[in-house]
Amino acid sequence: GGYTLNITGTGFSSSSSSSVTIDGNLCTSPVVSDFSLISCTVPLTTALSNTQVDVIVTSGSNTTTS
């Protein structure tokens, strides 16, 4: 954790109405650029595994899971 995650897409809302969670943990300091990029800081974790987790992006009233 503690590193920057960049998520590309289209139609993202302003930073105040967008959020990203990683395996249920809220990514901090989301910034939306040009409605097509969200950058946020990955939360710290004590988990020591190399497994796939859900990344959930909520922007306005839309939610997408990857």
PDB file of N, CA and C in Angstrom:
ATOM      1  N   GLY A   1       0.813  -1.184   0.000  1.00  0.00           N
ATOM      2  CA  GLY A   1       0.000   0.000   0.000  1.00  0.00           C
ATOM      3  C   GLY A   1       0.859   1.251   0.000  1.00  0.00           C
ATOM      4  N   GLY A   2       0.197   2.382  -0.152  1.00  0.00           N
ATOM      5  CA  GLY A   2       0.867   3.664  -0.143  1.00  0.00           C
ATOM      6  C   GLY A   2       1.287   4.154  -1.517  1.00  0.00           C
ATOM      7  N   TYR A   3       1.089   3.342  -2.550  1.00  0.00           N
ATOM      8  CA  TYR A   3       1.480   3.776  -3.893  1.00  0.00           C
ATOM      9  C   TYR A   3       0.270   4.301  -4.651  1.00  0.00           C
ATOM     10  N   THR A   4       0.502   4.954  -5.789  1.00  0.00           N
ATOM     11  CA  THR A   4      -0.567   5.546  -6.587  1.00  0.00           C
ATOM     12  C   THR A   4      -1.115   4.537  -7.585  1.00  0.00           C
ATOM     13  N   LEU A   5      -2.440   4.464  -7.644  1.00  0.00           N
ATOM     14  CA  LEU A   5      -3.138   3.615  -8.607  1.00  0.00           C
ATOM     15  C   LEU A   5      -3.819   4.527  -9.612  1.00  0.00           C
ATOM     16  N   ASN A   6      -3.609   4.278 -10.902  1.00  0.00           N
ATOM     17  CA  ASN A   6      -4.273   5.031 -11.960  1.00  0.00           C
ATOM     18  C   ASN A   6      -5.288   4.135 -12.645  1.00  0.00           C
ATOM     19  N   ILE A   7      -6.513   4.617 -12.774  1.00  0.00           N
ATOM     20  CA  ILE A   7      -7.591   3.878 -13.422  1.00  0.00           C
ATOM     21  C   ILE A   7      -8.091   4.717 -14.587  1.00  0.00           C
ATOM     22  N   THR A   8      -8.041   4.141 -15.781  1.00  0.00           N
ATOM     23  CA  THR A   8      -8.511   4.867 -16.962  1.00  0.00           C
ATOM     24  C   THR A   8      -9.894   4.381 -17.367  1.00  0.00           C
ATOM     25  N   GLY A   9     -10.661   5.270 -17.943  1.00  0.00           N
ATOM     26  CA  GLY A   9     -12.009   4.957 -18.400  1.00  0.00           C
ATOM     27  C   GLY A   9     -12.610   6.202 -19.023  1.00  0.00           C
ATOM     28  N   THR A  10     -13.918   6.280 -19.036  1.00  0.00           N
ATOM     29  CA  THR A  10     -14.588   7.457 -19.575  1.00  0.00           C
ATOM     30  C   THR A  10     -15.753   7.847 -18.682  1.00  0.00           C
ATOM     31  N   GLY A  11     -16.065   9.130 -18.672  1.00  0.00           N
ATOM     32  CA  GLY A  11     -17.236   9.630 -17.976  1.00  0.00           C
ATOM     33  C   GLY A  11     -17.151   9.677 -16.465  1.00  0.00           C
ATOM     34  N   PHE A  12     -15.937   9.690 -15.899  1.00  0.00           N
ATOM     35  CA  PHE A  12     -15.818   9.786 -14.452  1.00  0.00           C
ATOM     36  C   PHE A  12     -16.332  11.141 -13.975  1.00  0.00           C
ATOM     37  N   SER A  13     -16.959  11.147 -12.798  1.00  0.00           N
ATOM     38  CA  SER A  13     -17.458  12.381 -12.204  1.00  0.00           C
ATOM     39  C   SER A  13     -16.338  13.075 -11.447  1.00  0.00           C
ATOM     40  N   SER A  14     -16.649  14.208 -10.868  1.00  0.00           N
ATOM     41  CA  SER A  14     -15.651  14.961 -10.106  1.00  0.00           C
ATOM     42  C   SER A  14     -15.101  14.128  -8.957  1.00  0.00           C
ATOM     43  N   SER A  15     -13.959  14.537  -8.438  1.00  0.00           N
ATOM     44  CA  SER A  15     -13.301  13.814  -7.339  1.00  0.00           C
ATOM     45  C   SER A  15     -14.207  13.669  -6.130  1.00  0.00           C
ATOM     46  N   SER A  16     -15.056  14.664  -5.879  1.00  0.00           N
ATOM     47  CA  SER A  16     -15.899  14.613  -4.684  1.00  0.00           C
ATOM     48  C   SER A  16     -16.999  13.562  -4.789  1.00  0.00           C
ATOM     49  N   SER A  17     -17.332  13.120  -6.011  1.00  0.00           N
ATOM     50  CA  SER A  17     -18.388  12.113  -6.145  1.00  0.00           C
ATOM     51  C   SER A  17     -17.845  10.786  -6.676  1.00  0.00           C
ATOM     52  N   SER A  18     -16.531  10.599  -6.652  1.00  0.00           N
ATOM     53  CA  SER A  18     -15.917   9.360  -7.124  1.00  0.00           C
ATOM     54  C   SER A  18     -15.146   8.697  -5.987  1.00  0.00           C
ATOM     55  N   SER A  19     -15.199   7.361  -5.951  1.00  0.00           N
ATOM     56  CA  SER A  19     -14.433   6.621  -4.954  1.00  0.00           C
ATOM     57  C   SER A  19     -13.946   5.313  -5.550  1.00  0.00           C
ATOM     58  N   VAL A  20     -12.883   4.788  -4.961  1.00  0.00           N
ATOM     59  CA  VAL A  20     -12.305   3.516  -5.391  1.00  0.00           C
ATOM     60  C   VAL A  20     -12.065   2.687  -4.136  1.00  0.00           C
ATOM     61  N   THR A  21     -12.493   1.426  -4.159  1.00  0.00           N
ATOM     62  CA  THR A  21     -12.160   0.516  -3.073  1.00  0.00           C
ATOM     63  C   THR A  21     -11.376  -0.658  -3.644  1.00  0.00           C
ATOM     64  N   ILE A  22     -10.420  -1.123  -2.871  1.00  0.00           N
ATOM     65  CA  ILE A  22      -9.588  -2.256  -3.249  1.00  0.00           C
ATOM     66  C   ILE A  22      -9.754  -3.306  -2.162  1.00  0.00           C
ATOM     67  N   ASP A  23     -10.367  -4.430  -2.535  1.00  0.00           N
ATOM     68  CA  ASP A  23     -10.637  -5.504  -1.575  1.00  0.00           C
ATOM     69  C   ASP A  23     -11.369  -4.969  -0.346  1.00  0.00           C
ATOM     70  N   GLY A  24     -12.305  -4.032  -0.581  1.00  0.00           N
ATOM     71  CA  GLY A  24     -13.105  -3.474   0.503  1.00  0.00           C
ATOM     72  C   GLY A  24     -12.475  -2.323   1.256  1.00  0.00           C
ATOM     73  N   ASN A  25     -11.257  -1.941   0.892  1.00  0.00           N
ATOM     74  CA  ASN A  25     -10.562  -0.842   1.566  1.00  0.00           C
ATOM     75  C   ASN A  25     -10.570   0.399   0.675  1.00  0.00           C
ATOM     76  N   LEU A  26     -10.964   1.530   1.255  1.00  0.00           N
ATOM     77  CA  LEU A  26     -11.104   2.768   0.497  1.00  0.00           C
ATOM     78  C   LEU A  26      -9.748   3.325   0.085  1.00  0.00           C
ATOM     79  N   CYS A  27      -9.597   3.570  -1.203  1.00  0.00           N
ATOM     80  CA  CYS A  27      -8.414   4.226  -1.762  1.00  0.00           C
ATOM     81  C   CYS A  27      -8.519   5.715  -1.391  1.00  0.00           C
ATOM     82  N   THR A  28      -7.435   6.335  -0.953  1.00  0.00           N
ATOM     83  CA  THR A  28      -7.507   7.709  -0.461  1.00  0.00           C
ATOM     84  C   THR A  28      -7.087   8.731  -1.516  1.00  0.00           C
ATOM     85  N   SER A  29      -7.508   9.949  -1.307  1.00  0.00           N
ATOM     86  CA  SER A  29      -7.152  11.104  -2.132  1.00  0.00           C
ATOM     87  C   SER A  29      -7.439  10.901  -3.614  1.00  0.00           C
ATOM     88  N   PRO A  30      -8.682  10.513  -3.980  1.00  0.00           N
ATOM     89  CA  PRO A  30      -8.980  10.334  -5.406  1.00  0.00           C
ATOM     90  C   PRO A  30      -8.965  11.662  -6.153  1.00  0.00           C
ATOM     91  N   VAL A  31      -8.347  11.658  -7.330  1.00  0.00           N
ATOM     92  CA  VAL A  31      -8.314  12.836  -8.188  1.00  0.00           C
ATOM     93  C   VAL A  31      -8.758  12.405  -9.580  1.00  0.00           C
ATOM     94  N   VAL A  32      -9.767  13.088 -10.123  1.00  0.00           N
ATOM     95  CA  VAL A  32     -10.264  12.802 -11.468  1.00  0.00           C
ATOM     96  C   VAL A  32      -9.659  13.829 -12.420  1.00  0.00           C
ATOM     97  N   SER A  33      -9.067  13.341 -13.525  1.00  0.00           N
ATOM     98  CA  SER A  33      -8.470  14.221 -14.529  1.00  0.00           C
ATOM     99  C   SER A  33      -9.180  14.014 -15.863  1.00  0.00           C
ATOM    100  N   ASP A  34      -9.676  15.085 -16.435  1.00  0.00           N
ATOM    101  CA  ASP A  34     -10.300  15.067 -17.764  1.00  0.00           C
ATOM    102  C   ASP A  34     -11.415  14.029 -17.893  1.00  0.00           C
ATOM    103  N   PHE A  35     -12.079  13.694 -16.820  1.00  0.00           N
ATOM    104  CA  PHE A  35     -13.186  12.733 -16.812  1.00  0.00           C
ATOM    105  C   PHE A  35     -12.800  11.349 -17.330  1.00  0.00           C
ATOM    106  N   SER A  36     -11.474  11.081 -17.477  1.00  0.00           N
ATOM    107  CA  SER A  36     -11.047   9.795 -18.036  1.00  0.00           C
ATOM    108  C   SER A  36      -9.973   9.091 -17.212  1.00  0.00           C
ATOM    109  N   LEU A  37      -9.564   9.683 -16.096  1.00  0.00           N
ATOM    110  CA  LEU A  37      -8.519   9.095 -15.264  1.00  0.00           C
ATOM    111  C   LEU A  37      -8.812   9.387 -13.795  1.00  0.00           C
ATOM    112  N   ILE A  38      -8.770   8.334 -12.980  1.00  0.00           N
ATOM    113  CA  ILE A  38      -8.835   8.507 -11.527  1.00  0.00           C
ATOM    114  C   ILE A  38      -7.506   8.028 -10.961  1.00  0.00           C
ATOM    115  N   SER A  39      -6.847   8.875 -10.184  1.00  0.00           N
ATOM    116  CA  SER A  39      -5.628   8.503  -9.470  1.00  0.00           C
ATOM    117  C   SER A  39      -5.950   8.541  -7.979  1.00  0.00           C
ATOM    118  N   CYS A  40      -5.487   7.530  -7.247  1.00  0.00           N
ATOM    119  CA  CYS A  40      -5.715   7.516  -5.808  1.00  0.00           C
ATOM    120  C   CYS A  40      -4.570   6.766  -5.139  1.00  0.00           C
ATOM    121  N   THR A  41      -4.491   6.885  -3.823  1.00  0.00           N
ATOM    122  CA  THR A  41      -3.440   6.218  -3.053  1.00  0.00           C
ATOM    123  C   THR A  41      -3.989   4.912  -2.488  1.00  0.00           C
ATOM    124  N   VAL A  42      -3.306   3.825  -2.797  1.00  0.00           N
ATOM    125  CA  VAL A  42      -3.719   2.498  -2.338  1.00  0.00           C
ATOM    126  C   VAL A  42      -3.545   2.420  -0.831  1.00  0.00           C
ATOM    127  N   PRO A  43      -4.578   1.930  -0.117  1.00  0.00           N
ATOM    128  CA  PRO A  43      -4.483   1.854   1.343  1.00  0.00           C
ATOM    129  C   PRO A  43      -3.458   0.823   1.798  1.00  0.00           C
ATOM    130  N   LEU A  44      -2.865   1.095   2.954  1.00  0.00           N
ATOM    131  CA  LEU A  44      -1.936   0.145   3.555  1.00  0.00           C
ATOM    132  C   LEU A  44      -2.707  -1.076   4.031  1.00  0.00           C
ATOM    133  N   THR A  45      -2.064  -2.228   4.021  1.00  0.00           N
ATOM    134  CA  THR A  45      -2.693  -3.454   4.475  1.00  0.00           C
ATOM    135  C   THR A  45      -1.665  -4.341   5.158  1.00  0.00           C
ATOM    136  N   THR A  46      -2.146  -5.224   5.996  1.00  0.00           N
ATOM    137  CA  THR A  46      -1.249  -6.181   6.643  1.00  0.00           C
ATOM    138  C   THR A  46      -1.294  -7.531   5.938  1.00  0.00           C
ATOM    139  N   ALA A  47      -2.131  -7.633   4.892  1.00  0.00           N
ATOM    140  CA  ALA A  47      -2.244  -8.891   4.154  1.00  0.00           C
ATOM    141  C   ALA A  47      -0.973  -9.146   3.352  1.00  0.00           C
ATOM    142  N   LEU A  48      -0.469 -10.349   3.452  1.00  0.00           N
ATOM    143  CA  LEU A  48       0.731 -10.729   2.713  1.00  0.00           C
ATOM    144  C   LEU A  48       0.370 -11.840   1.742  1.00  0.00           C
ATOM    145  N   SER A  49      -0.329 -11.476   0.686  1.00  0.00           N
ATOM    146  CA  SER A  49      -0.725 -12.479  -0.294  1.00  0.00           C
ATOM    147  C   SER A  49      -0.628 -11.886  -1.689  1.00  0.00           C
ATOM    148  N   ASN A  50      -0.570 -12.755  -2.653  1.00  0.00           N
ATOM    149  CA  ASN A  50      -0.493 -12.343  -4.049  1.00  0.00           C
ATOM    150  C   ASN A  50      -1.721 -12.898  -4.762  1.00  0.00           C
ATOM    151  N   THR A  51      -2.903 -12.431  -4.331  1.00  0.00           N
ATOM    152  CA  THR A  51      -4.143 -12.916  -4.885  1.00  0.00           C
ATOM    153  C   THR A  51      -4.902 -11.789  -5.559  1.00  0.00           C
ATOM    154  N   GLN A  52      -5.813 -12.155  -6.463  1.00  0.00           N
ATOM    155  CA  GLN A  52      -6.644 -11.156  -7.106  1.00  0.00           C
ATOM    156  C   GLN A  52      -7.676 -10.632  -6.124  1.00  0.00           C
ATOM    157  N   VAL A  53      -7.957  -9.344  -6.219  1.00  0.00           N
ATOM    158  CA  VAL A  53      -8.975  -8.719  -5.380  1.00  0.00           C
ATOM    159  C   VAL A  53      -9.864  -7.854  -6.262  1.00  0.00           C
ATOM    160  N   ASP A  54     -11.040  -7.509  -5.764  1.00  0.00           N
ATOM    161  CA  ASP A  54     -11.945  -6.629  -6.490  1.00  0.00           C
ATOM    162  C   ASP A  54     -11.502  -5.185  -6.344  1.00  0.00           C
ATOM    163  N   VAL A  55     -11.524  -4.476  -7.467  1.00  0.00           N
ATOM    164  CA  VAL A  55     -11.345  -3.026  -7.477  1.00  0.00           C
ATOM    165  C   VAL A  55     -12.690  -2.463  -7.914  1.00  0.00           C
ATOM    166  N   ILE A  56     -13.309  -1.679  -7.045  1.00  0.00           N
ATOM    167  CA  ILE A  56     -14.642  -1.142  -7.321  1.00  0.00           C
ATOM    168  C   ILE A  56     -14.540   0.376  -7.466  1.00  0.00           C
ATOM    169  N   VAL A  57     -14.993   0.868  -8.614  1.00  0.00           N
ATOM    170  CA  VAL A  57     -14.993   2.303  -8.884  1.00  0.00           C
ATOM    171  C   VAL A  57     -16.435   2.785  -8.872  1.00  0.00           C
ATOM    172  N   THR A  58     -16.714   3.775  -8.037  1.00  0.00           N
ATOM    173  CA  THR A  58     -18.019   4.406  -8.005  1.00  0.00           C
ATOM    174  C   THR A  58     -17.829   5.853  -8.426  1.00  0.00           C
ATOM    175  N   SER A  59     -18.567   6.249  -9.449  1.00  0.00           N
ATOM    176  CA  SER A  59     -18.467   7.619  -9.962  1.00  0.00           C
ATOM    177  C   SER A  59     -19.880   8.124 -10.193  1.00  0.00           C
ATOM    178  N   GLY A  60     -20.282   9.066  -9.363  1.00  0.00           N
ATOM    179  CA  GLY A  60     -21.678   9.516  -9.434  1.00  0.00           C
ATOM    180  C   GLY A  60     -22.580   8.365  -9.045  1.00  0.00           C
ATOM    181  N   SER A  61     -23.534   8.015  -9.915  1.00  0.00           N
ATOM    182  CA  SER A  61     -24.467   6.926  -9.619  1.00  0.00           C
ATOM    183  C   SER A  61     -24.057   5.614 -10.282  1.00  0.00           C
ATOM    184  N   ASN A  62     -22.884   5.565 -10.912  1.00  0.00           N
ATOM    185  CA  ASN A  62     -22.409   4.365 -11.599  1.00  0.00           C
ATOM    186  C   ASN A  62     -21.343   3.637 -10.793  1.00  0.00           C
ATOM    187  N   THR A  63     -21.422   2.308 -10.759  1.00  0.00           N
ATOM    188  CA  THR A  63     -20.443   1.486 -10.067  1.00  0.00           C
ATOM    189  C   THR A  63     -19.967   0.381 -10.998  1.00  0.00           C
ATOM    190  N   THR A  64     -18.660   0.166 -11.046  1.00  0.00           N
ATOM    191  CA  THR A  64     -18.058  -0.880 -11.871  1.00  0.00           C
ATOM    192  C   THR A  64     -17.057  -1.661 -11.035  1.00  0.00           C
ATOM    193  N   THR A  65     -17.061  -2.984 -11.188  1.00  0.00           N
ATOM    194  CA  THR A  65     -16.128  -3.851 -10.482  1.00  0.00           C
ATOM    195  C   THR A  65     -15.194  -4.513 -11.483  1.00  0.00           C
ATOM    196  N   SER A  66     -13.926  -4.524 -11.129  1.00  0.00           N
ATOM    197  CA  SER A  66     -12.931  -5.173 -11.991  1.00  0.00           C
ATOM    198  C   SER A  66     -12.136  -6.150 -11.155  1.00  0.00           C
TER     199      SER A  66
END
